Amino acid sequence: MTAIDYPQLRRLLDDGAQLVEVLPAGEYGEMHLPGAVNIPLKTLDAATTAGLERTRPVIVYCWDAL
């Protein structure tokens, strides 16, 4: 895992990276970053990630209290 700051995130997204939130669907529904798709961590597998483009980077995130 590599932590990134907002300017790095913005650059990656501007360059075409995909944003995946891994929190449960209810928490995703309450609030998520614009453009993020939800794939809850407990369901993360080949089938649930099949819709992601394999040629583009993927940024995975969840809420962090730090």
N, C-alpha and C. Protein backbone atom coordinates (compact mmCIF):
# COMPACT_ATOMS: atom_id res chain seq x y z
N MET A 1 0.84 -1.17 0.00
CA MET A 1 0.00 0.00 0.00
C MET A 1 0.89 1.24 0.00
N THR A 2 0.48 2.21 -0.78
CA THR A 2 1.18 3.48 -0.84
C THR A 2 0.20 4.60 -0.56
N ALA A 3 0.46 5.40 0.44
CA ALA A 3 -0.39 6.55 0.73
C ALA A 3 -0.03 7.69 -0.23
N ILE A 4 -1.06 8.39 -0.68
CA ILE A 4 -0.82 9.54 -1.56
C ILE A 4 -1.56 10.74 -1.00
N ASP A 5 -1.06 11.92 -1.30
CA ASP A 5 -1.73 13.14 -0.84
C ASP A 5 -2.65 13.65 -1.95
N TYR A 6 -3.40 14.70 -1.63
CA TYR A 6 -4.39 15.20 -2.59
C TYR A 6 -3.79 15.62 -3.93
N PRO A 7 -2.68 16.38 -3.96
CA PRO A 7 -2.12 16.74 -5.27
C PRO A 7 -1.74 15.52 -6.11
N GLN A 8 -1.21 14.48 -5.48
CA GLN A 8 -0.88 13.26 -6.22
C GLN A 8 -2.16 12.58 -6.73
N LEU A 9 -3.18 12.53 -5.88
CA LEU A 9 -4.46 11.94 -6.28
C LEU A 9 -5.02 12.68 -7.47
N ARG A 10 -5.02 13.99 -7.41
CA ARG A 10 -5.57 14.80 -8.50
C ARG A 10 -4.83 14.51 -9.81
N ARG A 11 -3.49 14.44 -9.75
CA ARG A 11 -2.69 14.15 -10.95
C ARG A 11 -3.03 12.78 -11.52
N LEU A 12 -3.12 11.78 -10.65
CA LEU A 12 -3.44 10.43 -11.10
C LEU A 12 -4.82 10.37 -11.75
N LEU A 13 -5.80 11.02 -11.13
CA LEU A 13 -7.15 11.03 -11.69
C LEU A 13 -7.18 11.79 -13.02
N ASP A 14 -6.47 12.90 -13.08
CA ASP A 14 -6.40 13.67 -14.33
C ASP A 14 -5.76 12.86 -15.45
N ASP A 15 -4.88 11.94 -15.08
CA ASP A 15 -4.20 11.08 -16.05
C ASP A 15 -5.00 9.81 -16.36
N GLY A 16 -6.20 9.67 -15.77
CA GLY A 16 -7.07 8.55 -16.12
C GLY A 16 -7.18 7.42 -15.12
N ALA A 17 -6.64 7.59 -13.92
CA ALA A 17 -6.75 6.52 -12.91
C ALA A 17 -8.21 6.32 -12.50
N GLN A 18 -8.52 5.12 -12.08
CA GLN A 18 -9.85 4.78 -11.61
C GLN A 18 -9.86 4.81 -10.08
N LEU A 19 -10.97 5.25 -9.52
CA LEU A 19 -11.08 5.42 -8.08
C LEU A 19 -12.09 4.41 -7.53
N VAL A 20 -11.64 3.57 -6.58
CA VAL A 20 -12.49 2.53 -6.01
C VAL A 20 -12.54 2.70 -4.49
N GLU A 21 -13.75 2.85 -3.96
CA GLU A 21 -13.93 2.89 -2.51
C GLU A 21 -14.30 1.49 -2.04
N VAL A 22 -13.63 1.00 -1.00
CA VAL A 22 -13.83 -0.37 -0.54
C VAL A 22 -14.66 -0.47 0.74
N LEU A 23 -15.30 0.61 1.15
CA LEU A 23 -16.18 0.56 2.32
C LEU A 23 -17.49 -0.12 1.95
N PRO A 24 -18.27 -0.59 2.94
CA PRO A 24 -19.57 -1.20 2.65
C PRO A 24 -20.48 -0.22 1.88
N ALA A 25 -21.42 -0.78 1.13
CA ALA A 25 -22.29 0.02 0.26
C ALA A 25 -23.01 1.13 1.02
N GLY A 26 -23.46 0.86 2.24
CA GLY A 26 -24.16 1.88 3.01
C GLY A 26 -23.31 3.10 3.28
N GLU A 27 -22.07 2.88 3.62
CA GLU A 27 -21.16 4.00 3.87
C GLU A 27 -20.82 4.73 2.58
N TYR A 28 -20.66 3.99 1.50
CA TYR A 28 -20.44 4.60 0.19
C TYR A 28 -21.63 5.49 -0.17
N GLY A 29 -22.83 5.00 0.11
CA GLY A 29 -24.04 5.76 -0.19
C GLY A 29 -24.14 7.06 0.58
N GLU A 30 -23.60 7.08 1.79
CA GLU A 30 -23.63 8.29 2.61
C GLU A 30 -22.70 9.35 2.08
N MET A 31 -21.50 8.95 1.67
CA MET A 31 -20.52 9.91 1.18
C MET A 31 -19.39 9.17 0.49
N HIS A 32 -18.99 9.67 -0.66
CA HIS A 32 -17.83 9.11 -1.37
C HIS A 32 -17.25 10.19 -2.26
N LEU A 33 -16.04 9.97 -2.70
CA LEU A 33 -15.40 10.93 -3.59
C LEU A 33 -16.07 10.90 -4.96
N PRO A 34 -16.20 12.05 -5.60
CA PRO A 34 -16.81 12.09 -6.93
C PRO A 34 -16.09 11.16 -7.90
N GLY A 35 -16.88 10.40 -8.64
CA GLY A 35 -16.33 9.50 -9.65
C GLY A 35 -15.91 8.14 -9.13
N ALA A 36 -15.98 7.95 -7.82
CA ALA A 36 -15.57 6.66 -7.24
C ALA A 36 -16.63 5.60 -7.48
N VAL A 37 -16.19 4.38 -7.68
CA VAL A 37 -17.09 3.24 -7.72
C VAL A 37 -16.92 2.48 -6.41
N ASN A 38 -17.96 1.76 -6.02
CA ASN A 38 -17.92 1.03 -4.77
C ASN A 38 -17.75 -0.46 -5.02
N ILE A 39 -16.69 -1.02 -4.47
CA ILE A 39 -16.48 -2.46 -4.43
C ILE A 39 -16.08 -2.78 -2.99
N PRO A 40 -17.06 -3.16 -2.16
CA PRO A 40 -16.73 -3.41 -0.75
C PRO A 40 -15.58 -4.42 -0.60
N LEU A 41 -14.71 -4.15 0.34
CA LEU A 41 -13.51 -4.96 0.54
C LEU A 41 -13.82 -6.45 0.67
N LYS A 42 -14.88 -6.77 1.38
CA LYS A 42 -15.21 -8.19 1.59
C LYS A 42 -15.66 -8.88 0.31
N THR A 43 -15.96 -8.11 -0.73
CA THR A 43 -16.39 -8.71 -2.00
C THR A 43 -15.35 -8.53 -3.09
N LEU A 44 -14.21 -7.96 -2.76
CA LEU A 44 -13.17 -7.67 -3.75
C LEU A 44 -12.57 -8.96 -4.30
N ASP A 45 -12.84 -9.23 -5.56
CA ASP A 45 -12.29 -10.41 -6.23
C ASP A 45 -12.30 -10.18 -7.74
N ALA A 46 -11.94 -11.18 -8.49
CA ALA A 46 -11.86 -11.04 -9.95
C ALA A 46 -13.21 -10.67 -10.56
N ALA A 47 -14.28 -11.23 -10.03
CA ALA A 47 -15.61 -10.96 -10.59
C ALA A 47 -16.06 -9.53 -10.32
N THR A 48 -15.84 -9.04 -9.10
CA THR A 48 -16.31 -7.68 -8.77
C THR A 48 -15.44 -6.60 -9.38
N THR A 49 -14.23 -6.94 -9.76
CA THR A 49 -13.35 -5.94 -10.39
C THR A 49 -13.32 -6.07 -11.91
N ALA A 50 -14.14 -6.95 -12.45
CA ALA A 50 -14.15 -7.19 -13.90
C ALA A 50 -14.49 -5.93 -14.70
N GLY A 51 -15.25 -5.02 -14.11
CA GLY A 51 -15.63 -3.79 -14.81
C GLY A 51 -14.54 -2.73 -14.85
N LEU A 52 -13.46 -2.93 -14.12
CA LEU A 52 -12.37 -1.97 -14.14
C LEU A 52 -11.53 -2.17 -15.40
N GLU A 53 -11.03 -1.08 -15.94
CA GLU A 53 -10.18 -1.17 -17.12
C GLU A 53 -8.78 -1.58 -16.71
N ARG A 54 -8.31 -2.68 -17.23
CA ARG A 54 -7.02 -3.24 -16.84
C ARG A 54 -5.83 -2.39 -17.28
N THR A 55 -6.03 -1.50 -18.23
CA THR A 55 -4.92 -0.69 -18.73
C THR A 55 -4.76 0.62 -17.97
N ARG A 56 -5.69 0.91 -17.05
CA ARG A 56 -5.63 2.16 -16.29
C ARG A 56 -5.31 1.87 -14.83
N PRO A 57 -4.52 2.73 -14.19
CA PRO A 57 -4.23 2.54 -12.76
C PRO A 57 -5.51 2.57 -11.93
N VAL A 58 -5.48 1.89 -10.79
CA VAL A 58 -6.61 1.86 -9.87
C VAL A 58 -6.15 2.41 -8.52
N ILE A 59 -6.90 3.35 -8.00
CA ILE A 59 -6.65 3.90 -6.67
C ILE A 59 -7.75 3.37 -5.77
N VAL A 60 -7.37 2.65 -4.73
CA VAL A 60 -8.32 2.07 -3.78
C VAL A 60 -8.24 2.89 -2.50
N TYR A 61 -9.43 3.24 -1.96
CA TYR A 61 -9.41 4.03 -0.73
C TYR A 61 -10.54 3.62 0.19
N CYS A 62 -10.38 3.98 1.46
CA CYS A 62 -11.44 3.87 2.45
C CYS A 62 -11.24 5.00 3.45
N TRP A 63 -12.19 5.16 4.32
CA TRP A 63 -12.12 6.21 5.33
C TRP A 63 -10.98 5.93 6.29
N ASP A 64 -10.29 6.97 6.68
CA ASP A 64 -9.17 6.83 7.61
C ASP A 64 -9.28 7.91 8.67
N ALA A 65 -9.24 7.50 9.92
CA ALA A 65 -9.40 8.45 11.02
C ALA A 65 -8.14 9.27 11.29
N LEU A 66 -7.05 8.96 10.62
CA LEU A 66 -5.81 9.68 10.89
C LEU A 66 -5.77 11.03 10.21
